[in-house]
Amino acid sequence: MSQTQTDQALRDQVLALAGICQSVALVDSIARTGNAEPEAFEACLKSLFSFSSQSPIEAYGSVASLELGLRKLHDLLTGTRSVSDRELVRYIIGITHLQKQLEKTP
């Protein structure tokens, strides 16, 4: 695999993780306040119906559509977390665990 392909694969992984963070942040926001950021919400809805996407950008529309998720991911990784971010981490772990369980089932 060339350096460019490796860089693209890493970028796709980061954007996919940002997508998970964004989805979890939106669920948390809707549960707590009944509101969600419209652009972020639309991007997540779009990704649900994007069955043949080859990359997170195709699924979510653009990097800008993942701004909320990228901010949350940055906050989680740099330690600038709020109290509610503990719940987000629990949700993310739960989602990734569920994904692994679903992957085992044909």
PDB file of N, CA and C in Angstrom:
ATOM      1  N   MET A   1       0.846  -1.166   0.000  1.00  0.00           N
ATOM      2  CA  MET A   1       0.000   0.000   0.000  1.00  0.00           C
ATOM      3  C   MET A   1       0.900   1.240   0.000  1.00  0.00           C
ATOM      4  N   SER A   2       0.618   2.166  -0.873  1.00  0.00           N
ATOM      5  CA  SER A   2       1.428   3.378  -0.973  1.00  0.00           C
ATOM      6  C   SER A   2       1.104   4.338   0.175  1.00  0.00           C
ATOM      7  N   GLN A   3       1.949   5.326   0.350  1.00  0.00           N
ATOM      8  CA  GLN A   3       1.742   6.317   1.413  1.00  0.00           C
ATOM      9  C   GLN A   3       0.420   7.055   1.221  1.00  0.00           C
ATOM     10  N   THR A   4       0.094   7.373  -0.022  1.00  0.00           N
ATOM     11  CA  THR A   4      -1.156   8.076  -0.319  1.00  0.00           C
ATOM     12  C   THR A   4      -2.357   7.218   0.067  1.00  0.00           C
ATOM     13  N   GLN A   5      -2.298   5.934  -0.258  1.00  0.00           N
ATOM     14  CA  GLN A   5      -3.399   5.036   0.097  1.00  0.00           C
ATOM     15  C   GLN A   5      -3.509   4.884   1.613  1.00  0.00           C
ATOM     16  N   THR A   6      -2.375   4.805   2.283  1.00  0.00           N
ATOM     17  CA  THR A   6      -2.364   4.714   3.739  1.00  0.00           C
ATOM     18  C   THR A   6      -2.950   5.972   4.357  1.00  0.00           C
ATOM     19  N   ASP A   7      -2.556   7.125   3.848  1.00  0.00           N
ATOM     20  CA  ASP A   7      -3.087   8.398   4.345  1.00  0.00           C
ATOM     21  C   ASP A   7      -4.601   8.472   4.130  1.00  0.00           C
ATOM     22  N   GLN A   8      -5.061   8.040   2.960  1.00  0.00           N
ATOM     23  CA  GLN A   8      -6.495   8.075   2.660  1.00  0.00           C
ATOM     24  C   GLN A   8      -7.254   7.110   3.565  1.00  0.00           C
ATOM     25  N   ALA A   9      -6.690   5.930   3.808  1.00  0.00           N
ATOM     26  CA  ALA A   9      -7.343   4.961   4.688  1.00  0.00           C
ATOM     27  C   ALA A   9      -7.441   5.514   6.108  1.00  0.00           C
ATOM     28  N   LEU A  10      -6.384   6.143   6.578  1.00  0.00           N
ATOM     29  CA  LEU A  10      -6.395   6.744   7.913  1.00  0.00           C
ATOM     30  C   LEU A  10      -7.408   7.884   7.981  1.00  0.00           C
ATOM     31  N   ARG A  11      -7.451   8.699   6.951  1.00  0.00           N
ATOM     32  CA  ARG A  11      -8.412   9.805   6.892  1.00  0.00           C
ATOM     33  C   ARG A  11      -9.841   9.264   6.930  1.00  0.00           C
ATOM     34  N   ASP A  12     -10.099   8.209   6.178  1.00  0.00           N
ATOM     35  CA  ASP A  12     -11.438   7.610   6.173  1.00  0.00           C
ATOM     36  C   ASP A  12     -11.803   7.053   7.547  1.00  0.00           C
ATOM     37  N   GLN A  13     -10.831   6.459   8.226  1.00  0.00           N
ATOM     38  CA  GLN A  13     -11.092   5.925   9.561  1.00  0.00           C
ATOM     39  C   GLN A  13     -11.419   7.041  10.546  1.00  0.00           C
ATOM     40  N   VAL A  14     -10.675   8.127  10.471  1.00  0.00           N
ATOM     41  CA  VAL A  14     -10.926   9.264  11.360  1.00  0.00           C
ATOM     42  C   VAL A  14     -12.305   9.855  11.074  1.00  0.00           C
ATOM     43  N   LEU A  15     -12.651   9.998   9.802  1.00  0.00           N
ATOM     44  CA  LEU A  15     -13.956  10.560   9.452  1.00  0.00           C
ATOM     45  C   LEU A  15     -15.090   9.624   9.859  1.00  0.00           C
ATOM     46  N   ALA A  16     -14.876   8.320   9.745  1.00  0.00           N
ATOM     47  CA  ALA A  16     -15.893   7.363  10.185  1.00  0.00           C
ATOM     48  C   ALA A  16     -16.088   7.449  11.697  1.00  0.00           C
ATOM     49  N   LEU A  17     -14.995   7.558  12.437  1.00  0.00           N
ATOM     50  CA  LEU A  17     -15.089   7.712  13.886  1.00  0.00           C
ATOM     51  C   LEU A  17     -15.761   9.044  14.247  1.00  0.00           C
ATOM     52  N   ALA A  18     -15.461  10.082  13.494  1.00  0.00           N
ATOM     53  CA  ALA A  18     -16.134  11.368  13.703  1.00  0.00           C
ATOM     54  C   ALA A  18     -17.629  11.232  13.437  1.00  0.00           C
ATOM     55  N   GLY A  19     -17.996  10.429  12.454  1.00  0.00           N
ATOM     56  CA  GLY A  19     -19.411  10.179  12.173  1.00  0.00           C
ATOM     57  C   GLY A  19     -20.106   9.505  13.344  1.00  0.00           C
ATOM     58  N   ILE A  20     -19.422   8.551  13.964  1.00  0.00           N
ATOM     59  CA  ILE A  20     -19.976   7.895  15.147  1.00  0.00           C
ATOM     60  C   ILE A  20     -20.115   8.903  16.281  1.00  0.00           C
ATOM     61  N   CYS A  21     -19.073   9.696  16.503  1.00  0.00           N
ATOM     62  CA  CYS A  21     -19.119  10.715  17.564  1.00  0.00           C
ATOM     63  C   CYS A  21     -20.256  11.695  17.323  1.00  0.00           C
ATOM     64  N   GLN A  22     -20.437  12.085  16.079  1.00  0.00           N
ATOM     65  CA  GLN A  22     -21.492  13.033  15.747  1.00  0.00           C
ATOM     66  C   GLN A  22     -22.866  12.418  16.007  1.00  0.00           C
ATOM     67  N   SER A  23     -23.054  11.188  15.590  1.00  0.00           N
ATOM     68  CA  SER A  23     -24.337  10.519  15.805  1.00  0.00           C
ATOM     69  C   SER A  23     -24.657  10.408  17.287  1.00  0.00           C
ATOM     70  N   VAL A  24     -23.673  10.015  18.066  1.00  0.00           N
ATOM     71  CA  VAL A  24     -23.856   9.868  19.506  1.00  0.00           C
ATOM     72  C   VAL A  24     -24.139  11.225  20.152  1.00  0.00           C
ATOM     73  N   ALA A  25     -23.412  12.258  19.731  1.00  0.00           N
ATOM     74  CA  ALA A  25     -23.637  13.598  20.279  1.00  0.00           C
ATOM     75  C   ALA A  25     -25.048  14.085  19.953  1.00  0.00           C
ATOM     76  N   LEU A  26     -25.521  13.783  18.755  1.00  0.00           N
ATOM     77  CA  LEU A  26     -26.874  14.193  18.374  1.00  0.00           C
ATOM     78  C   LEU A  26     -27.927  13.455  19.186  1.00  0.00           C
ATOM     79  N   VAL A  27     -27.747  12.157  19.360  1.00  0.00           N
ATOM     80  CA  VAL A  27     -28.689  11.378  20.169  1.00  0.00           C
ATOM     81  C   VAL A  27     -28.734  11.942  21.587  1.00  0.00           C
ATOM     82  N   ASP A  28     -27.564  12.223  22.137  1.00  0.00           N
ATOM     83  CA  ASP A  28     -27.492  12.780  23.488  1.00  0.00           C
ATOM     84  C   ASP A  28     -28.182  14.145  23.552  1.00  0.00           C
ATOM     85  N   SER A  29     -27.936  14.983  22.571  1.00  0.00           N
ATOM     86  CA  SER A  29     -28.536  16.315  22.532  1.00  0.00           C
ATOM     87  C   SER A  29     -30.059  16.241  22.413  1.00  0.00           C
ATOM     88  N   ILE A  30     -30.527  15.360  21.565  1.00  0.00           N
ATOM     89  CA  ILE A  30     -31.978  15.203  21.394  1.00  0.00           C
ATOM     90  C   ILE A  30     -32.603  14.666  22.677  1.00  0.00           C
ATOM     91  N   ALA A  31     -31.927  13.719  23.318  1.00  0.00           N
ATOM     92  CA  ALA A  31     -32.460  13.158  24.562  1.00  0.00           C
ATOM     93  C   ALA A  31     -32.506  14.197  25.678  1.00  0.00           C
ATOM     94  N   ARG A  32     -31.493  15.053  25.746  1.00  0.00           N
ATOM     95  CA  ARG A  32     -31.409  16.022  26.841  1.00  0.00           C
ATOM     96  C   ARG A  32     -32.226  17.293  26.591  1.00  0.00           C
ATOM     97  N   THR A  33     -32.221  17.768  25.340  1.00  0.00           N
ATOM     98  CA  THR A  33     -32.834  19.070  25.062  1.00  0.00           C
ATOM     99  C   THR A  33     -33.976  19.030  24.058  1.00  0.00           C
ATOM    100  N   GLY A  34     -34.068  17.939  23.304  1.00  0.00           N
ATOM    101  CA  GLY A  34     -35.068  17.866  22.247  1.00  0.00           C
ATOM    102  C   GLY A  34     -34.624  18.546  20.967  1.00  0.00           C
ATOM    103  N   ASN A  35     -33.384  19.047  20.935  1.00  0.00           N
ATOM    104  CA  ASN A  35     -32.867  19.757  19.767  1.00  0.00           C
ATOM    105  C   ASN A  35     -31.579  19.110  19.269  1.00  0.00           C
ATOM    106  N   ALA A  36     -31.291  19.372  17.989  1.00  0.00           N
ATOM    107  CA  ALA A  36     -30.049  18.899  17.384  1.00  0.00           C
ATOM    108  C   ALA A  36     -29.614  19.912  16.332  1.00  0.00           C
ATOM    109  N   GLU A  37     -28.299  19.958  16.080  1.00  0.00           N
ATOM    110  CA  GLU A  37     -27.793  20.843  15.029  1.00  0.00           C
ATOM    111  C   GLU A  37     -28.308  20.332  13.681  1.00  0.00           C
ATOM    112  N   PRO A  38     -29.030  21.175  12.939  1.00  0.00           N
ATOM    113  CA  PRO A  38     -29.667  20.725  11.695  1.00  0.00           C
ATOM    114  C   PRO A  38     -28.715  20.130  10.659  1.00  0.00           C
ATOM    115  N   GLU A  39     -27.587  20.781  10.391  1.00  0.00           N
ATOM    116  CA  GLU A  39     -26.658  20.255   9.381  1.00  0.00           C
ATOM    117  C   GLU A  39     -26.106  18.909   9.783  1.00  0.00           C
ATOM    118  N   ALA A  40     -25.709  18.785  11.030  1.00  0.00           N
ATOM    119  CA  ALA A  40     -25.157  17.526  11.531  1.00  0.00           C
ATOM    120  C   ALA A  40     -26.216  16.432  11.482  1.00  0.00           C
ATOM    121  N   PHE A  41     -27.437  16.783  11.836  1.00  0.00           N
ATOM    122  CA  PHE A  41     -28.538  15.824  11.818  1.00  0.00           C
ATOM    123  C   PHE A  41     -28.814  15.341  10.397  1.00  0.00           C
ATOM    124  N   GLU A  42     -28.869  16.269   9.447  1.00  0.00           N
ATOM    125  CA  GLU A  42     -29.100  15.910   8.045  1.00  0.00           C
ATOM    126  C   GLU A  42     -28.012  14.995   7.512  1.00  0.00           C
ATOM    127  N   ALA A  43     -26.762  15.287   7.856  1.00  0.00           N
ATOM    128  CA  ALA A  43     -25.645  14.465   7.395  1.00  0.00           C
ATOM    129  C   ALA A  43     -25.772  13.040   7.925  1.00  0.00           C
ATOM    130  N   CYS A  44     -26.148  12.906   9.186  1.00  0.00           N
ATOM    131  CA  CYS A  44     -26.301  11.568   9.768  1.00  0.00           C
ATOM    132  C   CYS A  44     -27.469  10.819   9.135  1.00  0.00           C
ATOM    133  N   LEU A  45     -28.564  11.517   8.886  1.00  0.00           N
ATOM    134  CA  LEU A  45     -29.692  10.876   8.201  1.00  0.00           C
ATOM    135  C   LEU A  45     -29.295  10.430   6.804  1.00  0.00           C
ATOM    136  N   LYS A  46     -28.551  11.283   6.107  1.00  0.00           N
ATOM    137  CA  LYS A  46     -28.100  10.939   4.756  1.00  0.00           C
ATOM    138  C   LYS A  46     -27.263   9.668   4.782  1.00  0.00           C
ATOM    139  N   SER A  47     -26.414   9.534   5.784  1.00  0.00           N
ATOM    140  CA  SER A  47     -25.532   8.372   5.853  1.00  0.00           C
ATOM    141  C   SER A  47     -26.307   7.071   6.055  1.00  0.00           C
ATOM    142  N   LEU A  48     -27.487   7.151   6.693  1.00  0.00           N
ATOM    143  CA  LEU A  48     -28.297   5.955   6.919  1.00  0.00           C
ATOM    144  C   LEU A  48     -28.788   5.325   5.620  1.00  0.00           C
ATOM    145  N   PHE A  49     -28.971   6.152   4.611  1.00  0.00           N
ATOM    146  CA  PHE A  49     -29.509   5.673   3.341  1.00  0.00           C
ATOM    147  C   PHE A  49     -28.460   5.625   2.239  1.00  0.00           C
ATOM    148  N   SER A  50     -27.224   5.669   2.617  1.00  0.00           N
ATOM    149  CA  SER A  50     -26.114   5.643   1.669  1.00  0.00           C
ATOM    150  C   SER A  50     -25.502   4.240   1.682  1.00  0.00           C
ATOM    151  N   PHE A  51     -26.129   3.332   0.950  1.00  0.00           N
ATOM    152  CA  PHE A  51     -25.761   1.919   1.014  1.00  0.00           C
ATOM    153  C   PHE A  51     -24.538   1.551   0.177  1.00  0.00           C
ATOM    154  N   SER A  52     -24.219   2.329  -0.833  1.00  0.00           N
ATOM    155  CA  SER A  52     -23.108   1.955  -1.714  1.00  0.00           C
ATOM    156  C   SER A  52     -21.940   2.932  -1.622  1.00  0.00           C
ATOM    157  N   SER A  53     -21.833   3.627  -0.524  1.00  0.00           N
ATOM    158  CA  SER A  53     -20.744   4.604  -0.348  1.00  0.00           C
ATOM    159  C   SER A  53     -19.407   3.892  -0.265  1.00  0.00           C
ATOM    160  N   GLN A  54     -18.422   4.503  -0.881  1.00  0.00           N
ATOM    161  CA  GLN A  54     -17.071   3.964  -0.843  1.00  0.00           C
ATOM    162  C   GLN A  54     -16.208   4.653   0.204  1.00  0.00           C
ATOM    163  N   SER A  55     -16.728   5.740   0.795  1.00  0.00           N
ATOM    164  CA  SER A  55     -15.964   6.490   1.788  1.00  0.00           C
ATOM    165  C   SER A  55     -16.932   7.242   2.699  1.00  0.00           C
ATOM    166  N   PRO A  56     -16.441   7.663   3.863  1.00  0.00           N
ATOM    167  CA  PRO A  56     -17.302   8.460   4.743  1.00  0.00           C
ATOM    168  C   PRO A  56     -17.767   9.765   4.099  1.00  0.00           C
ATOM    169  N   ILE A  57     -16.925  10.350   3.271  1.00  0.00           N
ATOM    170  CA  ILE A  57     -17.307  11.595   2.590  1.00  0.00           C
ATOM    171  C   ILE A  57     -18.528  11.362   1.707  1.00  0.00           C
ATOM    172  N   GLU A  58     -18.554  10.246   1.004  1.00  0.00           N
ATOM    173  CA  GLU A  58     -19.721   9.924   0.180  1.00  0.00           C
ATOM    174  C   GLU A  58     -20.952   9.702   1.053  1.00  0.00           C
ATOM    175  N   ALA A  59     -20.766   9.092   2.199  1.00  0.00           N
ATOM    176  CA  ALA A  59     -21.897   8.790   3.073  1.00  0.00           C
ATOM    177  C   ALA A  59     -22.448  10.039   3.746  1.00  0.00           C
ATOM    178  N   TYR A  60     -21.562  10.922   4.194  1.00  0.00           N
ATOM    179  CA  TYR A  60     -22.000  12.092   4.955  1.00  0.00           C
ATOM    180  C   TYR A  60     -22.110  13.362   4.121  1.00  0.00           C
ATOM    181  N   GLY A  61     -21.550  13.365   2.943  1.00  0.00           N
ATOM    182  CA  GLY A  61     -21.671  14.527   2.064  1.00  0.00           C
ATOM    183  C   GLY A  61     -20.416  15.360   1.958  1.00  0.00           C
ATOM    184  N   SER A  62     -19.784  15.690   3.075  1.00  0.00           N
ATOM    185  CA  SER A  62     -18.566  16.497   3.067  1.00  0.00           C
ATOM    186  C   SER A  62     -17.921  16.453   4.450  1.00  0.00           C
ATOM    187  N   VAL A  63     -16.682  16.904   4.505  1.00  0.00           N
ATOM    188  CA  VAL A  63     -15.999  16.996   5.795  1.00  0.00           C
ATOM    189  C   VAL A  63     -16.709  18.025   6.671  1.00  0.00           C
ATOM    190  N   ALA A  64     -17.173  19.100   6.067  1.00  0.00           N
ATOM    191  CA  ALA A  64     -17.877  20.139   6.819  1.00  0.00           C
ATOM    192  C   ALA A  64     -19.133  19.590   7.494  1.00  0.00           C
ATOM    193  N   SER A  65     -19.759  18.576   6.896  1.00  0.00           N
ATOM    194  CA  SER A  65     -20.945  17.965   7.484  1.00  0.00           C
ATOM    195  C   SER A  65     -20.628  17.209   8.770  1.00  0.00           C
ATOM    196  N   LEU A  66     -19.352  16.895   8.959  1.00  0.00           N
ATOM    197  CA  LEU A  66     -18.917  16.163  10.151  1.00  0.00           C
ATOM    198  C   LEU A  66     -18.251  17.068  11.187  1.00  0.00           C
ATOM    199  N   GLU A  67     -18.471  18.368  11.086  1.00  0.00           N
ATOM    200  CA  GLU A  67     -17.808  19.308  11.988  1.00  0.00           C
ATOM    201  C   GLU A  67     -18.094  18.999  13.456  1.00  0.00           C
ATOM    202  N   LEU A  68     -19.345  18.745  13.792  1.00  0.00           N
ATOM    203  CA  LEU A  68     -19.696  18.427  15.175  1.00  0.00           C
ATOM    204  C   LEU A  68     -18.956  17.181  15.644  1.00  0.00           C
ATOM    205  N   GLY A  69     -18.945  16.152  14.828  1.00  0.00           N
ATOM    206  CA  GLY A  69     -18.264  14.912  15.190  1.00  0.00           C
ATOM    207  C   GLY A  69     -16.764  15.097  15.323  1.00  0.00           C
ATOM    208  N   LEU A  70     -16.177  15.889  14.448  1.00  0.00           N
ATOM    209  CA  LEU A  70     -14.742  16.151  14.533  1.00  0.00           C
ATOM    210  C   LEU A  70     -14.401  16.943  15.786  1.00  0.00           C
ATOM    211  N   ARG A  71     -15.252  17.901  16.141  1.00  0.00           N
ATOM    212  CA  ARG A  71     -15.034  18.658  17.388  1.00  0.00           C
ATOM    213  C   ARG A  71     -15.120  17.750  18.603  1.00  0.00           C
ATOM    214  N   LYS A  72     -16.146  16.897  18.636  1.00  0.00           N
ATOM    215  CA  LYS A  72     -16.317  15.978  19.763  1.00  0.00           C
ATOM    216  C   LYS A  72     -15.145  15.010  19.853  1.00  0.00           C
ATOM    217  N   LEU A  73     -14.718  14.482  18.709  1.00  0.00           N
ATOM    218  CA  LEU A  73     -13.578  13.566  18.686  1.00  0.00           C
ATOM    219  C   LEU A  73     -12.321  14.268  19.190  1.00  0.00           C
ATOM    220  N   HIS A  74     -12.102  15.489  18.738  1.00  0.00           N
ATOM    221  CA  HIS A  74     -10.952  16.272  19.191  1.00  0.00           C
ATOM    222  C   HIS A  74     -11.004  16.470  20.701  1.00  0.00           C
ATOM    223  N   ASP A  75     -12.166  16.848  21.202  1.00  0.00           N
ATOM    224  CA  ASP A  75     -12.321  17.067  22.642  1.00  0.00           C
ATOM    225  C   ASP A  75     -12.050  15.788  23.434  1.00  0.00           C
ATOM    226  N   LEU A  76     -12.556  14.672  22.940  1.00  0.00           N
ATOM    227  CA  LEU A  76     -12.352  13.404  23.638  1.00  0.00           C
ATOM    228  C   LEU A  76     -10.884  12.991  23.649  1.00  0.00           C
ATOM    229  N   LEU A  77     -10.191  13.224  22.547  1.00  0.00           N
ATOM    230  CA  LEU A  77      -8.801  12.788  22.436  1.00  0.00           C
ATOM    231  C   LEU A  77      -7.809  13.733  23.096  1.00  0.00           C
ATOM    232  N   THR A  78      -8.175  14.996  23.245  1.00  0.00           N
ATOM    233  CA  THR A  78      -7.249  15.961  23.856  1.00  0.00           C
ATOM    234  C   THR A  78      -7.510  16.163  25.338  1.00  0.00           C
ATOM    235  N   GLY A  79      -8.562  15.564  25.848  1.00  0.00           N
ATOM    236  CA  GLY A  79      -8.838  15.675  27.267  1.00  0.00           C
ATOM    237  C   GLY A  79      -9.636  16.899  27.661  1.00  0.00           C
ATOM    238  N   THR A  80     -10.100  17.682  26.689  1.00  0.00           N
ATOM    239  CA  THR A  80     -10.932  18.848  27.005  1.00  0.00           C
ATOM    240  C   THR A  80     -12.392  18.405  27.000  1.00  0.00           C
ATOM    241  N   ARG A  81     -12.709  17.560  27.939  1.00  0.00           N
ATOM    242  CA  ARG A  81     -14.031  16.946  27.982  1.00  0.00           C
ATOM    243  C   ARG A  81     -14.938  17.643  28.988  1.00  0.00           C
ATOM    244  N   SER A  82     -16.207  17.556  28.708  1.00  0.00           N
ATOM    245  CA  SER A  82     -17.199  18.016  29.673  1.00  0.00           C
ATOM    246  C   SER A  82     -17.730  16.780  30.399  1.00  0.00           C
ATOM    247  N   VAL A  83     -18.521  17.004  31.404  1.00  0.00           N
ATOM    248  CA  VAL A  83     -19.073  15.891  32.180  1.00  0.00           C
ATOM    249  C   VAL A  83     -19.934  14.986  31.299  1.00  0.00           C
ATOM    250  N   SER A  84     -20.704  15.577  30.392  1.00  0.00           N
ATOM    251  CA  SER A  84     -21.589  14.771  29.538  1.00  0.00           C
ATOM    252  C   SER A  84     -20.813  13.914  28.545  1.00  0.00           C
ATOM    253  N   ASP A  85     -19.542  14.223  28.323  1.00  0.00           N
ATOM    254  CA  ASP A  85     -18.757  13.433  27.383  1.00  0.00           C
ATOM    255  C   ASP A  85     -18.492  12.016  27.889  1.00  0.00           C
ATOM    256  N   ARG A  86     -18.590  11.804  29.178  1.00  0.00           N
ATOM    257  CA  ARG A  86     -18.457  10.438  29.710  1.00  0.00           C
ATOM    258  C   ARG A  86     -19.549   9.555  29.134  1.00  0.00           C
ATOM    259  N   GLU A  87     -20.747  10.099  29.063  1.00  0.00           N
ATOM    260  CA  GLU A  87     -21.857   9.353  28.471  1.00  0.00           C
ATOM    261  C   GLU A  87     -21.591   9.070  27.000  1.00  0.00           C
ATOM    262  N   LEU A  88     -21.032  10.052  26.300  1.00  0.00           N
ATOM    263  CA  LEU A  88     -20.730   9.861  24.884  1.00  0.00           C
ATOM    264  C   LEU A  88     -19.744   8.715  24.695  1.00  0.00           C
ATOM    265  N   VAL A  89     -18.735   8.656  25.539  1.00  0.00           N
ATOM    266  CA  VAL A  89     -17.748   7.572  25.447  1.00  0.00           C
ATOM    267  C   VAL A  89     -18.427   6.235  25.682  1.00  0.00           C
ATOM    268  N   ARG A  90     -19.315   6.172  26.650  1.00  0.00           N
ATOM    269  CA  ARG A  90     -20.053   4.916  26.907  1.00  0.00           C
ATOM    270  C   ARG A  90     -20.888   4.518  25.694  1.00  0.00           C
ATOM    271  N   TYR A  91     -21.555   5.491  25.085  1.00  0.00           N
ATOM    272  CA  TYR A  91     -22.352   5.205  23.890  1.00  0.00           C
ATOM    273  C   TYR A  91     -21.465   4.696  22.753  1.00  0.00           C
ATOM    274  N   ILE A  92     -20.334   5.340  22.563  1.00  0.00           N
ATOM    275  CA  ILE A  92     -19.420   4.951  21.480  1.00  0.00           C
ATOM    276  C   ILE A  92     -18.918   3.530  21.698  1.00  0.00           C
ATOM    277  N   ILE A  93     -18.536   3.217  22.921  1.00  0.00           N
ATOM    278  CA  ILE A  93     -18.074   1.859  23.222  1.00  0.00           C
ATOM    279  C   ILE A  93     -19.200   0.860  22.982  1.00  0.00           C
ATOM    280  N   GLY A  94     -20.395   1.204  23.408  1.00  0.00           N
ATOM    281  CA  GLY A  94     -21.541   0.322  23.188  1.00  0.00           C
ATOM    282  C   GLY A  94     -21.833   0.096  21.717  1.00  0.00           C
ATOM    283  N   ILE A  95     -21.758   1.156  20.940  1.00  0.00           N
ATOM    284  CA  ILE A  95     -22.016   1.044  19.495  1.00  0.00           C
ATOM    285  C   ILE A  95     -20.971   0.177  18.818  1.00  0.00           C
ATOM    286  N   THR A  96     -19.709   0.394  19.150  1.00  0.00           N
ATOM    287  CA  THR A  96     -18.658  -0.405  18.511  1.00  0.00           C
ATOM    288  C   THR A  96     -18.747  -1.869  18.941  1.00  0.00           C
ATOM    289  N   HIS A  97     -19.137  -2.116  20.190  1.00  0.00           N
ATOM    290  CA  HIS A  97     -19.327  -3.494  20.652  1.00  0.00           C
ATOM    291  C   HIS A  97     -20.483  -4.150  19.889  1.00  0.00           C
ATOM    292  N   LEU A  98     -21.586  -3.418  19.759  1.00  0.00           N
ATOM    293  CA  LEU A  98     -22.739  -3.934  19.023  1.00  0.00           C
ATOM    294  C   LEU A  98     -22.379  -4.212  17.569  1.00  0.00           C
ATOM    295  N   GLN A  99     -21.591  -3.324  16.966  1.00  0.00           N
ATOM    296  CA  GLN A  99     -21.176  -3.526  15.578  1.00  0.00           C
ATOM    297  C   GLN A  99     -20.378  -4.806  15.431  1.00  0.00           C
ATOM    298  N   LYS A 100     -19.483  -5.079  16.372  1.00  0.00           N
ATOM    299  CA  LYS A 100     -18.689  -6.306  16.319  1.00  0.00           C
ATOM    300  C   LYS A 100     -19.569  -7.541  16.478  1.00  0.00           C
ATOM    301  N   GLN A 101     -20.575  -7.453  17.338  1.00  0.00           N
ATOM    302  CA  GLN A 101     -21.501  -8.565  17.509  1.00  0.00           C
ATOM    303  C   GLN A 101     -22.305  -8.807  16.226  1.00  0.00           C
ATOM    304  N   LEU A 102     -22.769  -7.729  15.589  1.00  0.00           N
ATOM    305  CA  LEU A 102     -23.530  -7.853  14.351  1.00  0.00           C
ATOM    306  C   LEU A 102     -22.664  -8.378  13.214  1.00  0.00           C
ATOM    307  N   GLU A 103     -21.394  -8.025  13.226  1.00  0.00           N
ATOM    308  CA  GLU A 103     -20.472  -8.484  12.194  1.00  0.00           C
ATOM    309  C   GLU A 103     -20.293 -10.004  12.244  1.00  0.00           C
ATOM    310  N   LYS A 104     -20.406 -10.591  13.417  1.00  0.00           N
ATOM    311  CA  LYS A 104     -20.260 -12.039  13.585  1.00  0.00           C
ATOM    312  C   LYS A 104     -21.454 -12.808  13.056  1.00  0.00           C
ATOM    313  N   THR A 105     -22.608 -12.147  13.034  1.00  0.00           N
ATOM    314  CA  THR A 105     -23.838 -12.789  12.593  1.00  0.00           C
ATOM    315  C   THR A 105     -24.051 -12.580  11.100  1.00  0.00           C
ATOM    316  N   PRO A 106     -24.188 -13.672  10.346  1.00  0.00           N
ATOM    317  CA  PRO A 106     -24.377 -13.488   8.890  1.00  0.00           C
ATOM    318  C   PRO A 106     -25.697 -12.806   8.547  1.00  0.00           C
TER     319      PRO A 106
END
